[in-house]
Protein backbone atom coordinates (compact mmCIF):
# COMPACT_ATOMS: atom_id res chain seq x y z
CA MET A 1 0.00 0.00 0.00
CA ASP A 2 2.91 2.30 0.59
CA ALA A 3 4.02 1.78 -3.01
CA VAL A 4 0.58 2.77 -4.26
CA GLU A 5 0.54 5.89 -2.14
CA ASN A 6 3.98 6.90 -3.41
CA THR A 7 2.96 6.24 -6.99
CA GLY A 8 -0.30 8.11 -6.55
CA GLY A 9 1.44 10.95 -4.80
CA GLY A 10 4.09 11.05 -7.52
CA GLU A 11 1.54 11.17 -10.34
CA THR A 12 -0.40 14.10 -8.99
CA PRO A 13 2.50 16.56 -8.74
CA ASP A 14 3.83 15.27 -12.05
CA LYS A 15 0.52 15.99 -13.81
CA GLN A 16 0.31 19.39 -12.18
CA GLY A 17 3.87 20.09 -13.21
CA ARG A 18 3.13 19.14 -16.81
CA GLY A 19 0.05 21.36 -16.77
CA GLN A 20 2.09 24.27 -15.52
CA LEU A 21 4.80 23.66 -18.09
CA ALA A 22 2.23 23.45 -20.86
CA HIS A 23 0.69 26.69 -19.62
CA GLN A 24 4.12 28.38 -19.57
CA ASP A 25 4.84 27.12 -23.09
CA MET A 26 1.53 28.55 -24.28
CA ASP A 27 2.38 31.91 -22.68
CA LYS A 28 5.73 31.91 -24.47
CA LYS A 29 4.03 31.19 -27.80
CA LYS A 30 1.55 34.01 -27.21
CA ASN A 31 4.37 36.40 -26.36
CA LYS A 32 6.24 35.42 -29.49
CA ARG A 33 3.11 36.06 -31.59
CA THR A 34 2.52 39.48 -30.11
CA LYS A 35 6.15 40.40 -30.47
CA LYS A 36 6.07 39.45 -34.15
CA THR A 37 2.96 41.51 -34.83
CA SER A 38 4.28 44.49 -32.91
CA ARG A 39 7.52 44.44 -34.93
CA ARG A 40 5.83 44.88 -38.26
CA GLY A 41 7.33 47.46 -40.54
CA ALA A 42 5.61 50.51 -41.86
CA ILE A 43 2.63 50.20 -44.17
CA TYR A 44 2.73 52.30 -47.32
CA VAL A 45 -0.41 53.39 -49.18
CA SER A 46 -0.96 55.12 -52.50
CA PRO A 47 -4.37 56.67 -53.16
CA ASP A 48 -3.60 57.43 -56.81
CA GLY A 49 -2.08 54.24 -58.19
CA GLY A 50 1.54 54.84 -57.21
CA HIS A 51 2.05 58.51 -58.09
CA THR A 52 2.17 59.47 -54.42
CA VAL A 53 3.13 57.17 -51.57
CA TYR A 54 2.28 57.83 -47.94
CA GLU A 55 3.28 56.02 -44.78
CA GLN A 56 0.12 54.90 -42.99
CA ASN A 57 -0.25 55.76 -39.29
CA GLN A 58 -1.08 53.00 -36.81
CA ASP A 59 -4.62 54.35 -36.45
CA GLY A 60 -5.16 53.87 -40.19
CA SER A 61 -4.95 57.54 -41.18
CA ARG A 62 -2.61 58.84 -43.84
CA GLY A 63 0.81 59.73 -42.49
CA ARG A 64 3.79 61.53 -43.95
CA LEU A 65 4.44 61.81 -47.68
CA VAL A 66 7.20 59.39 -48.68
CA GLU A 67 7.40 59.73 -52.47
CA GLU A 68 5.79 61.91 -55.12
CA ASP A 69 6.49 61.68 -58.86
CA SER A 70 6.30 64.47 -61.45
CA HIS A 71 2.73 63.57 -62.41
CA ALA A 72 1.56 63.98 -58.82
CA ARG A 73 3.44 67.29 -58.46
CA MET A 74 1.79 68.56 -61.65
CA LEU A 75 -1.70 67.60 -60.40
CA ASN A 76 -1.00 69.26 -57.06
CA GLU A 77 0.10 72.46 -58.78
CA LEU A 78 -3.00 72.41 -61.01
CA GLN A 79 -5.22 72.12 -57.95
CA GLN A 80 -3.45 75.04 -56.32
CA ASP A 81 -3.71 77.14 -59.51
CA SER A 82 -7.38 76.34 -60.12
CA ASP A 83 -8.47 79.06 -57.70
CA MET A 84 -6.86 81.65 -60.01
CA PHE A 85 -9.58 81.09 -62.62
CA GLY A 86 -12.79 80.92 -60.61
CA PHE A 87 -15.43 83.50 -59.79
CA GLU A 88 -13.38 84.93 -56.91
CA ALA A 89 -10.39 85.39 -59.22
CA TYR A 90 -12.56 87.25 -61.73
CA ALA A 91 -13.81 89.56 -58.96
CA LEU A 92 -10.24 90.21 -57.80
CA ARG A 93 -9.11 91.04 -61.34
CA ARG A 94 -11.93 93.59 -61.62
CA LYS A 95 -10.94 95.09 -58.28
CA TYR A 96 -7.18 95.23 -58.97
CA PRO A 97 -6.21 96.52 -62.42
CA THR A 98 -2.61 95.32 -62.06
CA LEU A 99 -3.86 91.77 -61.60
CA GLN A 100 -6.08 92.14 -64.69
CA LYS A 101 -3.13 93.44 -66.73
CA ALA A 102 -0.96 90.47 -65.67
CA TYR A 103 -3.79 88.09 -66.52
CA ASP A 104 -4.20 89.66 -69.98
CA GLN A 105 -0.46 89.29 -70.61
CA TYR A 106 -0.64 85.65 -69.52
CA LYS A 107 -3.52 85.03 -71.93
CA THR A 108 -1.62 86.74 -74.78
CA VAL A 109 1.49 84.60 -74.24
CA TRP A 110 -0.68 81.48 -73.90
CA HIS A 111 -2.38 82.11 -77.23
CA MET A 112 0.91 82.93 -78.97
CA ILE A 113 2.41 79.63 -77.85
CA ASN A 114 -0.68 77.55 -78.63
CA GLY A 115 -1.47 79.29 -81.90
CA GLY A 116 -5.01 80.14 -80.82
CA GLU A 117 -6.71 83.47 -81.26
CA GLU A 118 -8.78 85.38 -78.74
């Protein structure tokens, strides 16, 4: 009976020990997984098919500009210049004669280069 008690007593701590080891191994695996996901590199996004490239922030918003080609720079400049030809620009040219004179010169040079007539 003593042998049975020793065997029974030996099995219980051994099973508990294995359970604890298995639990520790699982914790290590979880830690390795989280470490791998937290070490990911930057994510780069391009809203216009590769003309501009941004680094994405961790919250999913657009981050800093990484790369911009000549096509993207041209589009950006066109967007900035578009306000020079709207209703507000017309009103400003009427208010400031110097601005109207510069605009007329621009139109003259434009038509000379393109071969069009006013």
